[in-house]
Amino acid sequence: MKIGELAARTGVSIRSLRYYEQQGLLTPVRNENGYREYSVLAEEQVRTIQLYLNLGLTTEQIAGFLHCVLKNKEAFCAEVFPIFRQKIAEIEAQIHQLNHIKMNLEERMQSILDERESEEAEECK
């Protein structure tokens, strides 16, 4: 199938499909005219790539285990677990950072409210 057909079947842009190819995630055959020709398995491959991208993984991380996952079940791919652990650690660090920012904003808001109340009390005297 041609790249446009693969894009239509998967809902992924042609630009993204070309990027996946550059990253080594997709490997089409090149016809004599230079056009890309994708196998019938490419649709499943793109859907699998999208699944892992939606989990927040990078194309580099996905490239490390994609071929294993496509041939076997995810549970049998030793490369998957360390990447998932790393991603969870990254998410936990982001949550910690966001909680810290939230706390700082709440403190600033309270400080502003306290200052307003203090000024209003001064004006009433």
PDB file of N, CA and C in Angstrom:
ATOM      1  N   MET A   1       0.848  -1.178   0.000  1.00  0.00           N
ATOM      2  CA  MET A   1       0.000   0.000   0.000  1.00  0.00           C
ATOM      3  C   MET A   1       0.891   1.237   0.000  1.00  0.00           C
ATOM      4  N   LYS A   2       0.380   2.291  -0.574  1.00  0.00           N
ATOM      5  CA  LYS A   2       1.113   3.553  -0.665  1.00  0.00           C
ATOM      6  C   LYS A   2       0.977   4.325   0.652  1.00  0.00           C
ATOM      7  N   ILE A   3       1.823   5.320   0.818  1.00  0.00           N
ATOM      8  CA  ILE A   3       1.860   6.079   2.069  1.00  0.00           C
ATOM      9  C   ILE A   3       0.531   6.794   2.340  1.00  0.00           C
ATOM     10  N   GLY A   4      -0.117   7.298   1.299  1.00  0.00           N
ATOM     11  CA  GLY A   4      -1.409   7.977   1.480  1.00  0.00           C
ATOM     12  C   GLY A   4      -2.487   7.040   1.990  1.00  0.00           C
ATOM     13  N   GLU A   5      -2.479   5.820   1.494  1.00  0.00           N
ATOM     14  CA  GLU A   5      -3.452   4.827   1.944  1.00  0.00           C
ATOM     15  C   GLU A   5      -3.195   4.436   3.398  1.00  0.00           C
ATOM     16  N   LEU A   6      -1.926   4.269   3.740  1.00  0.00           N
ATOM     17  CA  LEU A   6      -1.579   3.945   5.128  1.00  0.00           C
ATOM     18  C   LEU A   6      -1.986   5.080   6.056  1.00  0.00           C
ATOM     19  N   ALA A   7      -1.768   6.297   5.607  1.00  0.00           N
ATOM     20  CA  ALA A   7      -2.167   7.463   6.411  1.00  0.00           C
ATOM     21  C   ALA A   7      -3.683   7.468   6.613  1.00  0.00           C
ATOM     22  N   ALA A   8      -4.422   7.205   5.561  1.00  0.00           N
ATOM     23  CA  ALA A   8      -5.887   7.200   5.650  1.00  0.00           C
ATOM     24  C   ALA A   8      -6.387   6.082   6.562  1.00  0.00           C
ATOM     25  N   ARG A   9      -5.786   4.914   6.470  1.00  0.00           N
ATOM     26  CA  ARG A   9      -6.223   3.767   7.278  1.00  0.00           C
ATOM     27  C   ARG A   9      -5.926   3.946   8.764  1.00  0.00           C
ATOM     28  N   THR A  10      -4.839   4.640   9.077  1.00  0.00           N
ATOM     29  CA  THR A  10      -4.417   4.755  10.472  1.00  0.00           C
ATOM     30  C   THR A  10      -4.767   6.099  11.103  1.00  0.00           C
ATOM     31  N   GLY A  11      -5.080   7.093  10.279  1.00  0.00           N
ATOM     32  CA  GLY A  11      -5.350   8.433  10.804  1.00  0.00           C
ATOM     33  C   GLY A  11      -4.084   9.173  11.195  1.00  0.00           C
ATOM     34  N   VAL A  12      -2.948   8.683  10.729  1.00  0.00           N
ATOM     35  CA  VAL A  12      -1.650   9.302  11.021  1.00  0.00           C
ATOM     36  C   VAL A  12      -1.217  10.068   9.781  1.00  0.00           C
ATOM     37  N   SER A  13      -0.683  11.257   9.958  1.00  0.00           N
ATOM     38  CA  SER A  13      -0.296  12.076   8.809  1.00  0.00           C
ATOM     39  C   SER A  13       0.857  11.448   8.028  1.00  0.00           C
ATOM     40  N   ILE A  14       0.928  11.803   6.766  1.00  0.00           N
ATOM     41  CA  ILE A  14       2.029  11.340   5.917  1.00  0.00           C
ATOM     42  C   ILE A  14       3.356  11.817   6.494  1.00  0.00           C
ATOM     43  N   ARG A  15       3.364  13.024   6.995  1.00  0.00           N
ATOM     44  CA  ARG A  15       4.588  13.568   7.597  1.00  0.00           C
ATOM     45  C   ARG A  15       5.057  12.703   8.763  1.00  0.00           C
ATOM     46  N   SER A  16       4.109  12.268   9.614  1.00  0.00           N
ATOM     47  CA  SER A  16       4.461  11.410  10.746  1.00  0.00           C
ATOM     48  C   SER A  16       4.985  10.063  10.270  1.00  0.00           C
ATOM     49  N   LEU A  17       4.359   9.512   9.245  1.00  0.00           N
ATOM     50  CA  LEU A  17       4.815   8.228   8.714  1.00  0.00           C
ATOM     51  C   LEU A  17       6.251   8.342   8.189  1.00  0.00           C
ATOM     52  N   ARG A  18       6.544   9.429   7.522  1.00  0.00           N
ATOM     53  CA  ARG A  18       7.914   9.651   7.043  1.00  0.00           C
ATOM     54  C   ARG A  18       8.879   9.782   8.224  1.00  0.00           C
ATOM     55  N   TYR A  19       8.432  10.444   9.274  1.00  0.00           N
ATOM     56  CA  TYR A  19       9.264  10.583  10.478  1.00  0.00           C
ATOM     57  C   TYR A  19       9.518   9.215  11.111  1.00  0.00           C
ATOM     58  N   TYR A  20       8.478   8.391  11.198  1.00  0.00           N
ATOM     59  CA  TYR A  20       8.652   7.038  11.751  1.00  0.00           C
ATOM     60  C   TYR A  20       9.680   6.263  10.930  1.00  0.00           C
ATOM     61  N   GLU A  21       9.649   6.459   9.625  1.00  0.00           N
ATOM     62  CA  GLU A  21      10.633   5.796   8.768  1.00  0.00           C
ATOM     63  C   GLU A  21      12.043   6.297   9.076  1.00  0.00           C
ATOM     64  N   GLN A  22      12.195   7.608   9.228  1.00  0.00           N
ATOM     65  CA  GLN A  22      13.509   8.187   9.564  1.00  0.00           C
ATOM     66  C   GLN A  22      14.032   7.645  10.888  1.00  0.00           C
ATOM     67  N   GLN A  23      13.124   7.383  11.817  1.00  0.00           N
ATOM     68  CA  GLN A  23      13.505   6.894  13.139  1.00  0.00           C
ATOM     69  C   GLN A  23      13.710   5.378  13.167  1.00  0.00           C
ATOM     70  N   GLY A  24      13.499   4.733  12.035  1.00  0.00           N
ATOM     71  CA  GLY A  24      13.692   3.290  11.947  1.00  0.00           C
ATOM     72  C   GLY A  24      12.525   2.470  12.477  1.00  0.00           C
ATOM     73  N   LEU A  25      11.376   3.113  12.669  1.00  0.00           N
ATOM     74  CA  LEU A  25      10.210   2.412  13.191  1.00  0.00           C
ATOM     75  C   LEU A  25       9.396   1.738  12.085  1.00  0.00           C
ATOM     76  N   LEU A  26       9.457   2.287  10.899  1.00  0.00           N
ATOM     77  CA  LEU A  26       8.766   1.733   9.732  1.00  0.00           C
ATOM     78  C   LEU A  26       9.789   1.544   8.625  1.00  0.00           C
ATOM     79  N   THR A  27       9.641   0.461   7.880  1.00  0.00           N
ATOM     80  CA  THR A  27      10.582   0.206   6.796  1.00  0.00           C
ATOM     81  C   THR A  27       9.828  -0.199   5.540  1.00  0.00           C
ATOM     82  N   PRO A  28       9.457   0.784   4.729  1.00  0.00           N
ATOM     83  CA  PRO A  28       8.779   0.445   3.484  1.00  0.00           C
ATOM     84  C   PRO A  28       9.787  -0.006   2.425  1.00  0.00           C
ATOM     85  N   VAL A  29       9.269  -0.664   1.410  1.00  0.00           N
ATOM     86  CA  VAL A  29      10.077  -1.019   0.245  1.00  0.00           C
ATOM     87  C   VAL A  29       9.984   0.175  -0.706  1.00  0.00           C
ATOM     88  N   ARG A  30      11.086   0.472  -1.377  1.00  0.00           N
ATOM     89  CA  ARG A  30      11.071   1.558  -2.365  1.00  0.00           C
ATOM     90  C   ARG A  30      10.902   0.962  -3.758  1.00  0.00           C
ATOM     91  N   ASN A  31       9.887   1.434  -4.479  1.00  0.00           N
ATOM     92  CA  ASN A  31       9.682   1.012  -5.859  1.00  0.00           C
ATOM     93  C   ASN A  31      10.728   1.670  -6.759  1.00  0.00           C
ATOM     94  N   GLU A  32      10.801   1.243  -7.991  1.00  0.00           N
ATOM     95  CA  GLU A  32      11.758   1.825  -8.937  1.00  0.00           C
ATOM     96  C   GLU A  32      11.549   3.319  -9.110  1.00  0.00           C
ATOM     97  N   ASN A  33      10.305   3.762  -9.005  1.00  0.00           N
ATOM     98  CA  ASN A  33      10.003   5.183  -9.150  1.00  0.00           C
ATOM     99  C   ASN A  33      10.253   5.967  -7.853  1.00  0.00           C
ATOM    100  N   GLY A  34      10.721   5.281  -6.796  1.00  0.00           N
ATOM    101  CA  GLY A  34      11.030   5.935  -5.532  1.00  0.00           C
ATOM    102  C   GLY A  34       9.874   5.983  -4.549  1.00  0.00           C
ATOM    103  N   TYR A  35       8.694   5.561  -4.972  1.00  0.00           N
ATOM    104  CA  TYR A  35       7.538   5.580  -4.085  1.00  0.00           C
ATOM    105  C   TYR A  35       7.697   4.525  -2.993  1.00  0.00           C
ATOM    106  N   ARG A  36       7.173   4.860  -1.821  1.00  0.00           N
ATOM    107  CA  ARG A  36       7.182   3.912  -0.715  1.00  0.00           C
ATOM    108  C   ARG A  36       6.049   2.912  -0.885  1.00  0.00           C
ATOM    109  N   GLU A  37       6.345   1.670  -0.595  1.00  0.00           N
ATOM    110  CA  GLU A  37       5.322   0.620  -0.632  1.00  0.00           C
ATOM    111  C   GLU A  37       5.352  -0.077   0.721  1.00  0.00           C
ATOM    112  N   TYR A  38       4.227  -0.016   1.436  1.00  0.00           N
ATOM    113  CA  TYR A  38       4.144  -0.600   2.771  1.00  0.00           C
ATOM    114  C   TYR A  38       3.458  -1.953   2.730  1.00  0.00           C
ATOM    115  N   SER A  39       3.902  -2.848   3.573  1.00  0.00           N
ATOM    116  CA  SER A  39       3.281  -4.171   3.668  1.00  0.00           C
ATOM    117  C   SER A  39       1.952  -4.049   4.403  1.00  0.00           C
ATOM    118  N   VAL A  40       1.174  -5.111   4.359  1.00  0.00           N
ATOM    119  CA  VAL A  40      -0.118  -5.114   5.055  1.00  0.00           C
ATOM    120  C   VAL A  40       0.077  -5.039   6.567  1.00  0.00           C
ATOM    121  N   LEU A  41       1.240  -5.408   7.063  1.00  0.00           N
ATOM    122  CA  LEU A  41       1.522  -5.357   8.500  1.00  0.00           C
ATOM    123  C   LEU A  41       1.825  -3.939   8.995  1.00  0.00           C
ATOM    124  N   ALA A  42       2.069  -3.024   8.079  1.00  0.00           N
ATOM    125  CA  ALA A  42       2.426  -1.657   8.461  1.00  0.00           C
ATOM    126  C   ALA A  42       1.317  -0.974   9.251  1.00  0.00           C
ATOM    127  N   GLU A  43       0.071  -1.301   8.932  1.00  0.00           N
ATOM    128  CA  GLU A  43      -1.051  -0.688   9.648  1.00  0.00           C
ATOM    129  C   GLU A  43      -0.991  -1.041  11.135  1.00  0.00           C
ATOM    130  N   GLU A  44      -0.787  -2.310  11.440  1.00  0.00           N
ATOM    131  CA  GLU A  44      -0.656  -2.744  12.839  1.00  0.00           C
ATOM    132  C   GLU A  44       0.570  -2.083  13.483  1.00  0.00           C
ATOM    133  N   GLN A  45       1.632  -1.989  12.728  1.00  0.00           N
ATOM    134  CA  GLN A  45       2.864  -1.384  13.233  1.00  0.00           C
ATOM    135  C   GLN A  45       2.629   0.077  13.617  1.00  0.00           C
ATOM    136  N   VAL A  46       1.943   0.821  12.764  1.00  0.00           N
ATOM    137  CA  VAL A  46       1.656   2.235  13.048  1.00  0.00           C
ATOM    138  C   VAL A  46       0.747   2.358  14.262  1.00  0.00           C
ATOM    139  N   ARG A  47      -0.237   1.504  14.364  1.00  0.00           N
ATOM    140  CA  ARG A  47      -1.132   1.551  15.536  1.00  0.00           C
ATOM    141  C   ARG A  47      -0.369   1.249  16.825  1.00  0.00           C
ATOM    142  N   THR A  48       0.578   0.342  16.752  1.00  0.00           N
ATOM    143  CA  THR A  48       1.409   0.021  17.909  1.00  0.00           C
ATOM    144  C   THR A  48       2.286   1.212  18.277  1.00  0.00           C
ATOM    145  N   ILE A  49       2.866   1.850  17.291  1.00  0.00           N
ATOM    146  CA  ILE A  49       3.684   3.049  17.525  1.00  0.00           C
ATOM    147  C   ILE A  49       2.842   4.122  18.202  1.00  0.00           C
ATOM    148  N   GLN A  50       1.629   4.334  17.696  1.00  0.00           N
ATOM    149  CA  GLN A  50       0.733   5.338  18.270  1.00  0.00           C
ATOM    150  C   GLN A  50       0.382   5.021  19.719  1.00  0.00           C
ATOM    151  N   LEU A  51       0.142   3.743  20.019  1.00  0.00           N
ATOM    152  CA  LEU A  51      -0.153   3.327  21.385  1.00  0.00           C
ATOM    153  C   LEU A  51       0.957   3.771  22.333  1.00  0.00           C
ATOM    154  N   TYR A  52       2.192   3.481  21.957  1.00  0.00           N
ATOM    155  CA  TYR A  52       3.320   3.814  22.834  1.00  0.00           C
ATOM    156  C   TYR A  52       3.594   5.320  22.878  1.00  0.00           C
ATOM    157  N   LEU A  53       3.359   6.016  21.785  1.00  0.00           N
ATOM    158  CA  LEU A  53       3.489   7.477  21.816  1.00  0.00           C
ATOM    159  C   LEU A  53       2.456   8.073  22.760  1.00  0.00           C
ATOM    160  N   ASN A  54       1.249   7.507  22.756  1.00  0.00           N
ATOM    161  CA  ASN A  54       0.191   7.995  23.653  1.00  0.00           C
ATOM    162  C   ASN A  54       0.487   7.693  25.124  1.00  0.00           C
ATOM    163  N   LEU A  55       1.375   6.735  25.373  1.00  0.00           N
ATOM    164  CA  LEU A  55       1.825   6.466  26.750  1.00  0.00           C
ATOM    165  C   LEU A  55       2.947   7.429  27.160  1.00  0.00           C
ATOM    166  N   GLY A  56       3.340   8.303  26.244  1.00  0.00           N
ATOM    167  CA  GLY A  56       4.354   9.302  26.554  1.00  0.00           C
ATOM    168  C   GLY A  56       5.768   8.878  26.222  1.00  0.00           C
ATOM    169  N   LEU A  57       5.927   7.759  25.526  1.00  0.00           N
ATOM    170  CA  LEU A  57       7.272   7.310  25.173  1.00  0.00           C
ATOM    171  C   LEU A  57       7.763   8.043  23.936  1.00  0.00           C
ATOM    172  N   THR A  58       9.068   8.154  23.813  1.00  0.00           N
ATOM    173  CA  THR A  58       9.665   8.791  22.647  1.00  0.00           C
ATOM    174  C   THR A  58       9.864   7.754  21.540  1.00  0.00           C
ATOM    175  N   THR A  59      10.076   8.239  20.339  1.00  0.00           N
ATOM    176  CA  THR A  59      10.325   7.309  19.236  1.00  0.00           C
ATOM    177  C   THR A  59      11.625   6.546  19.466  1.00  0.00           C
ATOM    178  N   GLU A  60      12.585   7.160  20.128  1.00  0.00           N
ATOM    179  CA  GLU A  60      13.836   6.468  20.438  1.00  0.00           C
ATOM    180  C   GLU A  60      13.596   5.314  21.397  1.00  0.00           C
ATOM    181  N   GLN A  61      12.766   5.551  22.410  1.00  0.00           N
ATOM    182  CA  GLN A  61      12.440   4.490  23.355  1.00  0.00           C
ATOM    183  C   GLN A  61      11.674   3.367  22.662  1.00  0.00           C
ATOM    184  N   ILE A  62      10.719   3.748  21.834  1.00  0.00           N
ATOM    185  CA  ILE A  62       9.907   2.757  21.125  1.00  0.00           C
ATOM    186  C   ILE A  62      10.784   1.909  20.200  1.00  0.00           C
ATOM    187  N   ALA A  63      11.735   2.533  19.550  1.00  0.00           N
ATOM    188  CA  ALA A  63      12.618   1.813  18.628  1.00  0.00           C
ATOM    189  C   ALA A  63      13.379   0.707  19.344  1.00  0.00           C
ATOM    190  N   GLY A  64      13.612   0.874  20.636  1.00  0.00           N
ATOM    191  CA  GLY A  64      14.360  -0.108  21.405  1.00  0.00           C
ATOM    192  C   GLY A  64      13.638  -1.425  21.620  1.00  0.00           C
ATOM    193  N   PHE A  65      12.311  -1.436  21.460  1.00  0.00           N
ATOM    194  CA  PHE A  65      11.574  -2.676  21.714  1.00  0.00           C
ATOM    195  C   PHE A  65      10.479  -2.977  20.688  1.00  0.00           C
ATOM    196  N   LEU A  66      10.267  -2.107  19.732  1.00  0.00           N
ATOM    197  CA  LEU A  66       9.150  -2.272  18.802  1.00  0.00           C
ATOM    198  C   LEU A  66       9.180  -3.602  18.060  1.00  0.00           C
ATOM    199  N   HIS A  67      10.324  -3.960  17.528  1.00  0.00           N
ATOM    200  CA  HIS A  67      10.395  -5.197  16.755  1.00  0.00           C
ATOM    201  C   HIS A  67      10.062  -6.417  17.625  1.00  0.00           C
ATOM    202  N   CYS A  68      10.494  -6.391  18.864  1.00  0.00           N
ATOM    203  CA  CYS A  68      10.180  -7.487  19.783  1.00  0.00           C
ATOM    204  C   CYS A  68       8.676  -7.551  20.037  1.00  0.00           C
ATOM    205  N   VAL A  69       8.063  -6.412  20.305  1.00  0.00           N
ATOM    206  CA  VAL A  69       6.633  -6.361  20.611  1.00  0.00           C
ATOM    207  C   VAL A  69       5.795  -6.804  19.412  1.00  0.00           C
ATOM    208  N   LEU A  70       6.250  -6.468  18.214  1.00  0.00           N
ATOM    209  CA  LEU A  70       5.504  -6.853  17.016  1.00  0.00           C
ATOM    210  C   LEU A  70       5.595  -8.355  16.742  1.00  0.00           C
ATOM    211  N   LYS A  71       6.692  -8.976  17.174  1.00  0.00           N
ATOM    212  CA  LYS A  71       6.877 -10.412  16.945  1.00  0.00           C
ATOM    213  C   LYS A  71       6.313 -11.248  18.092  1.00  0.00           C
ATOM    214  N   ASN A  72       6.380 -10.727  19.296  1.00  0.00           N
ATOM    215  CA  ASN A  72       5.962 -11.448  20.500  1.00  0.00           C
ATOM    216  C   ASN A  72       4.915 -10.625  21.228  1.00  0.00           C
ATOM    217  N   LYS A  73       4.457 -11.133  22.331  1.00  0.00           N
ATOM    218  CA  LYS A  73       3.600 -10.334  23.207  1.00  0.00           C
ATOM    219  C   LYS A  73       4.497  -9.415  24.025  1.00  0.00           C
ATOM    220  N   GLU A  74       3.935  -8.296  24.414  1.00  0.00           N
ATOM    221  CA  GLU A  74       4.676  -7.309  25.202  1.00  0.00           C
ATOM    222  C   GLU A  74       5.299  -7.941  26.446  1.00  0.00           C
ATOM    223  N   ALA A  75       4.591  -8.862  27.057  1.00  0.00           N
ATOM    224  CA  ALA A  75       5.055  -9.503  28.289  1.00  0.00           C
ATOM    225  C   ALA A  75       6.350 -10.280  28.095  1.00  0.00           C
ATOM    226  N   PHE A  76       6.656 -10.657  26.873  1.00  0.00           N
ATOM    227  CA  PHE A  76       7.855 -11.442  26.615  1.00  0.00           C
ATOM    228  C   PHE A  76       9.032 -10.607  26.110  1.00  0.00           C
ATOM    229  N   CYS A  77       8.890  -9.306  26.151  1.00  0.00           N
ATOM    230  CA  CYS A  77       9.951  -8.410  25.685  1.00  0.00           C
ATOM    231  C   CYS A  77      10.625  -7.754  26.891  1.00  0.00           C
ATOM    232  N   ALA A  78      11.809  -8.228  27.206  1.00  0.00           N
ATOM    233  CA  ALA A  78      12.529  -7.735  28.385  1.00  0.00           C
ATOM    234  C   ALA A  78      12.852  -6.246  28.284  1.00  0.00           C
ATOM    235  N   GLU A  79      12.936  -5.716  27.077  1.00  0.00           N
ATOM    236  CA  GLU A  79      13.302  -4.307  26.880  1.00  0.00           C
ATOM    237  C   GLU A  79      12.211  -3.341  27.328  1.00  0.00           C
ATOM    238  N   VAL A  80      10.979  -3.812  27.422  1.00  0.00           N
ATOM    239  CA  VAL A  80       9.851  -2.935  27.727  1.00  0.00           C
ATOM    240  C   VAL A  80       9.852  -2.461  29.178  1.00  0.00           C
ATOM    241  N   PHE A  81      10.062  -3.367  30.096  1.00  0.00           N
ATOM    242  CA  PHE A  81       9.930  -3.058  31.524  1.00  0.00           C
ATOM    243  C   PHE A  81      10.836  -1.910  31.989  1.00  0.00           C
ATOM    244  N   PRO A  82      12.126  -1.920  31.665  1.00  0.00           N
ATOM    245  CA  PRO A  82      12.977  -0.805  32.105  1.00  0.00           C
ATOM    246  C   PRO A  82      12.533   0.543  31.537  1.00  0.00           C
ATOM    247  N   ILE A  83      12.037   0.545  30.326  1.00  0.00           N
ATOM    248  CA  ILE A  83      11.577   1.804  29.718  1.00  0.00           C
ATOM    249  C   ILE A  83      10.318   2.295  30.431  1.00  0.00           C
ATOM    250  N   PHE A  84       9.405   1.381  30.756  1.00  0.00           N
ATOM    251  CA  PHE A  84       8.205   1.764  31.499  1.00  0.00           C
ATOM    252  C   PHE A  84       8.581   2.306  32.879  1.00  0.00           C
ATOM    253  N   ARG A  85       9.506   1.643  33.545  1.00  0.00           N
ATOM    254  CA  ARG A  85       9.958   2.122  34.868  1.00  0.00           C
ATOM    255  C   ARG A  85      10.540   3.531  34.761  1.00  0.00           C
ATOM    256  N   GLN A  86      11.360   3.746  33.737  1.00  0.00           N
ATOM    257  CA  GLN A  86      11.976   5.063  33.528  1.00  0.00           C
ATOM    258  C   GLN A  86      10.894   6.119  33.292  1.00  0.00           C
ATOM    259  N   LYS A  87       9.901   5.788  32.495  1.00  0.00           N
ATOM    260  CA  LYS A  87       8.834   6.739  32.200  1.00  0.00           C
ATOM    261  C   LYS A  87       8.031   7.052  33.456  1.00  0.00           C
ATOM    262  N   ILE A  88       7.750   6.057  34.267  1.00  0.00           N
ATOM    263  CA  ILE A  88       7.025   6.283  35.524  1.00  0.00           C
ATOM    264  C   ILE A  88       7.837   7.196  36.439  1.00  0.00           C
ATOM    265  N   ALA A  89       9.141   6.989  36.505  1.00  0.00           N
ATOM    266  CA  ALA A  89      10.003   7.852  37.334  1.00  0.00           C
ATOM    267  C   ALA A  89       9.960   9.288  36.820  1.00  0.00           C
ATOM    268  N   GLU A  90       9.986   9.462  35.505  1.00  0.00           N
ATOM    269  CA  GLU A  90       9.899  10.813  34.920  1.00  0.00           C
ATOM    270  C   GLU A  90       8.572  11.471  35.284  1.00  0.00           C
ATOM    271  N   ILE A  91       7.488  10.716  35.187  1.00  0.00           N
ATOM    272  CA  ILE A  91       6.156  11.246  35.504  1.00  0.00           C
ATOM    273  C   ILE A  91       6.080  11.625  36.979  1.00  0.00           C
ATOM    274  N   GLU A  92       6.617  10.781  37.850  1.00  0.00           N
ATOM    275  CA  GLU A  92       6.609  11.095  39.279  1.00  0.00           C
ATOM    276  C   GLU A  92       7.409  12.365  39.573  1.00  0.00           C
ATOM    277  N   ALA A  93       8.524  12.561  38.889  1.00  0.00           N
ATOM    278  CA  ALA A  93       9.323  13.783  39.067  1.00  0.00           C
ATOM    279  C   ALA A  93       8.533  14.998  38.583  1.00  0.00           C
ATOM    280  N   GLN A  94       7.822  14.855  37.476  1.00  0.00           N
ATOM    281  CA  GLN A  94       7.005  15.956  36.973  1.00  0.00           C
ATOM    282  C   GLN A  94       5.869  16.284  37.940  1.00  0.00           C
ATOM    283  N   ILE A  95       5.245  15.252  38.486  1.00  0.00           N
ATOM    284  CA  ILE A  95       4.170  15.464  39.464  1.00  0.00           C
ATOM    285  C   ILE A  95       4.710  16.204  40.678  1.00  0.00           C
ATOM    286  N   HIS A  96       5.879  15.794  41.164  1.00  0.00           N
ATOM    287  CA  HIS A  96       6.505  16.470  42.311  1.00  0.00           C
ATOM    288  C   HIS A  96       6.765  17.939  41.983  1.00  0.00           C
ATOM    289  N   GLN A  97       7.319  18.184  40.799  1.00  0.00           N
ATOM    290  CA  GLN A  97       7.612  19.563  40.397  1.00  0.00           C
ATOM    291  C   GLN A  97       6.330  20.381  40.273  1.00  0.00           C
ATOM    292  N   LEU A  98       5.295  19.803  39.682  1.00  0.00           N
ATOM    293  CA  LEU A  98       4.026  20.513  39.537  1.00  0.00           C
ATOM    294  C   LEU A  98       3.376  20.789  40.892  1.00  0.00           C
ATOM    295  N   ASN A  99       3.463  19.842  41.818  1.00  0.00           N
ATOM    296  CA  ASN A  99       2.935  20.074  43.169  1.00  0.00           C
ATOM    297  C   ASN A  99       3.679  21.209  43.863  1.00  0.00           C
ATOM    298  N   HIS A 100       4.983  21.277  43.649  1.00  0.00           N
ATOM    299  CA  HIS A 100       5.794  22.358  44.225  1.00  0.00           C
ATOM    300  C   HIS A 100       5.373  23.707  43.635  1.00  0.00           C
ATOM    301  N   ILE A 101       5.184  23.755  42.338  1.00  0.00           N
ATOM    302  CA  ILE A 101       4.740  24.995  41.679  1.00  0.00           C
ATOM    303  C   ILE A 101       3.364  25.391  42.184  1.00  0.00           C
ATOM    304  N   LYS A 102       2.462  24.420  42.298  1.00  0.00           N
ATOM    305  CA  LYS A 102       1.108  24.679  42.786  1.00  0.00           C
ATOM    306  C   LYS A 102       1.152  25.262  44.196  1.00  0.00           C
ATOM    307  N   MET A 103       1.978  24.669  45.044  1.00  0.00           N
ATOM    308  CA  MET A 103       2.111  25.150  46.417  1.00  0.00           C
ATOM    309  C   MET A 103       2.632  26.595  46.436  1.00  0.00           C
ATOM    310  N   ASN A 104       3.611  26.890  45.607  1.00  0.00           N
ATOM    311  CA  ASN A 104       4.144  28.257  45.532  1.00  0.00           C
ATOM    312  C   ASN A 104       3.079  29.245  45.065  1.00  0.00           C
ATOM    313  N   LEU A 105       2.297  28.858  44.082  1.00  0.00           N
ATOM    314  CA  LEU A 105       1.224  29.731  43.604  1.00  0.00           C
ATOM    315  C   LEU A 105       0.171  29.957  44.689  1.00  0.00           C
ATOM    316  N   GLU A 106      -0.191  28.907  45.399  1.00  0.00           N
ATOM    317  CA  GLU A 106      -1.170  29.051  46.477  1.00  0.00           C
ATOM    318  C   GLU A 106      -0.645  29.971  47.569  1.00  0.00           C
ATOM    319  N   GLU A 107       0.644  29.858  47.893  1.00  0.00           N
ATOM    320  CA  GLU A 107       1.251  30.746  48.885  1.00  0.00           C
ATOM    321  C   GLU A 107       1.240  32.194  48.414  1.00  0.00           C
ATOM    322  N   ARG A 108       1.531  32.416  47.115  1.00  0.00           N
ATOM    323  CA  ARG A 108       1.512  33.773  46.572  1.00  0.00           C
ATOM    324  C   ARG A 108       0.104  34.352  46.624  1.00  0.00           C
ATOM    325  N   MET A 109      -0.882  33.528  46.264  1.00  0.00           N
ATOM    326  CA  MET A 109      -2.269  33.990  46.306  1.00  0.00           C
ATOM    327  C   MET A 109      -2.671  34.362  47.727  1.00  0.00           C
ATOM    328  N   GLN A 110      -2.284  33.529  48.692  1.00  0.00           N
ATOM    329  CA  GLN A 110      -2.615  33.823  50.082  1.00  0.00           C
ATOM    330  C   GLN A 110      -1.916  35.091  50.548  1.00  0.00           C
ATOM    331  N   SER A 111      -0.690  35.277  50.119  1.00  0.00           N
ATOM    332  CA  SER A 111       0.053  36.485  50.466  1.00  0.00           C
ATOM    333  C   SER A 111      -0.643  37.725  49.920  1.00  0.00           C
ATOM    334  N   ILE A 112      -1.127  37.634  48.686  1.00  0.00           N
ATOM    335  CA  ILE A 112      -1.845  38.762  48.071  1.00  0.00           C
ATOM    336  C   ILE A 112      -3.130  39.043  48.837  1.00  0.00           C
ATOM    337  N   LEU A 113      -3.875  38.005  49.178  1.00  0.00           N
ATOM    338  CA  LEU A 113      -5.117  38.186  49.934  1.00  0.00           C
ATOM    339  C   LEU A 113      -4.845  38.793  51.303  1.00  0.00           C
ATOM    340  N   ASP A 114      -3.790  38.316  51.976  1.00  0.00           N
ATOM    341  CA  ASP A 114      -3.436  38.861  53.292  1.00  0.00           C
ATOM    342  C   ASP A 114      -3.076  40.339  53.185  1.00  0.00           C
ATOM    343  N   GLU A 115      -2.338  40.692  52.129  1.00  0.00           N
ATOM    344  CA  GLU A 115      -1.939  42.088  51.940  1.00  0.00           C
ATOM    345  C   GLU A 115      -3.162  42.968  51.682  1.00  0.00           C
ATOM    346  N   ARG A 116      -4.110  42.482  50.881  1.00  0.00           N
ATOM    347  CA  ARG A 116      -5.334  43.244  50.609  1.00  0.00           C
ATOM    348  C   ARG A 116      -6.127  43.474  51.898  1.00  0.00           C
ATOM    349  N   GLU A 117      -6.268  42.409  52.679  1.00  0.00           N
ATOM    350  CA  GLU A 117      -7.014  42.523  53.931  1.00  0.00           C
ATOM    351  C   GLU A 117      -6.346  43.519  54.864  1.00  0.00           C
ATOM    352  N   SER A 118      -5.027  43.480  54.906  1.00  0.00           N
ATOM    353  CA  SER A 118      -4.280  44.388  55.766  1.00  0.00           C
ATOM    354  C   SER A 118      -4.486  45.831  55.323  1.00  0.00           C
ATOM    355  N   GLU A 119      -4.437  46.064  54.012  1.00  0.00           N
ATOM    356  CA  GLU A 119      -4.654  47.438  53.495  1.00  0.00           C
ATOM    357  C   GLU A 119      -6.072  47.903  53.737  1.00  0.00           C
ATOM    358  N   GLU A 120      -7.048  47.018  53.581  1.00  0.00           N
ATOM    359  CA  GLU A 120      -8.448  47.383  53.820  1.00  0.00           C
ATOM    360  C   GLU A 120      -8.666  47.699  55.293  1.00  0.00           C
ATOM    361  N   ALA A 121      -8.023  46.973  56.173  1.00  0.00           N
ATOM    362  CA  ALA A 121      -8.136  47.220  57.619  1.00  0.00           C
ATOM    363  C   ALA A 121      -7.531  48.581  57.962  1.00  0.00           C
ATOM    364  N   GLU A 122      -6.444  48.931  57.317  1.00  0.00           N
ATOM    365  CA  GLU A 122      -5.776  50.212  57.548  1.00  0.00           C
ATOM    366  C   GLU A 122      -6.675  51.367  57.088  1.00  0.00           C
ATOM    367  N   GLU A 123      -7.367  51.173  55.953  1.00  0.00           N
ATOM    368  CA  GLU A 123      -8.229  52.231  55.419  1.00  0.00           C
ATOM    369  C   GLU A 123      -9.450  52.459  56.300  1.00  0.00           C
ATOM    370  N   CYS A 124      -9.906  51.437  57.008  1.00  0.00           N
ATOM    371  CA  CYS A 124     -11.090  51.534  57.848  1.00  0.00           C
ATOM    372  C   CYS A 124     -10.789  52.287  59.159  1.00  0.00           C
ATOM    373  N   LYS A 125      -9.555  52.423  59.508  1.00  0.00           N
ATOM    374  CA  LYS A 125      -9.200  53.081  60.775  1.00  0.00           C
ATOM    375  C   LYS A 125      -9.347  54.550  60.725  1.00  0.00           C
TER     376      LYS A 125
END
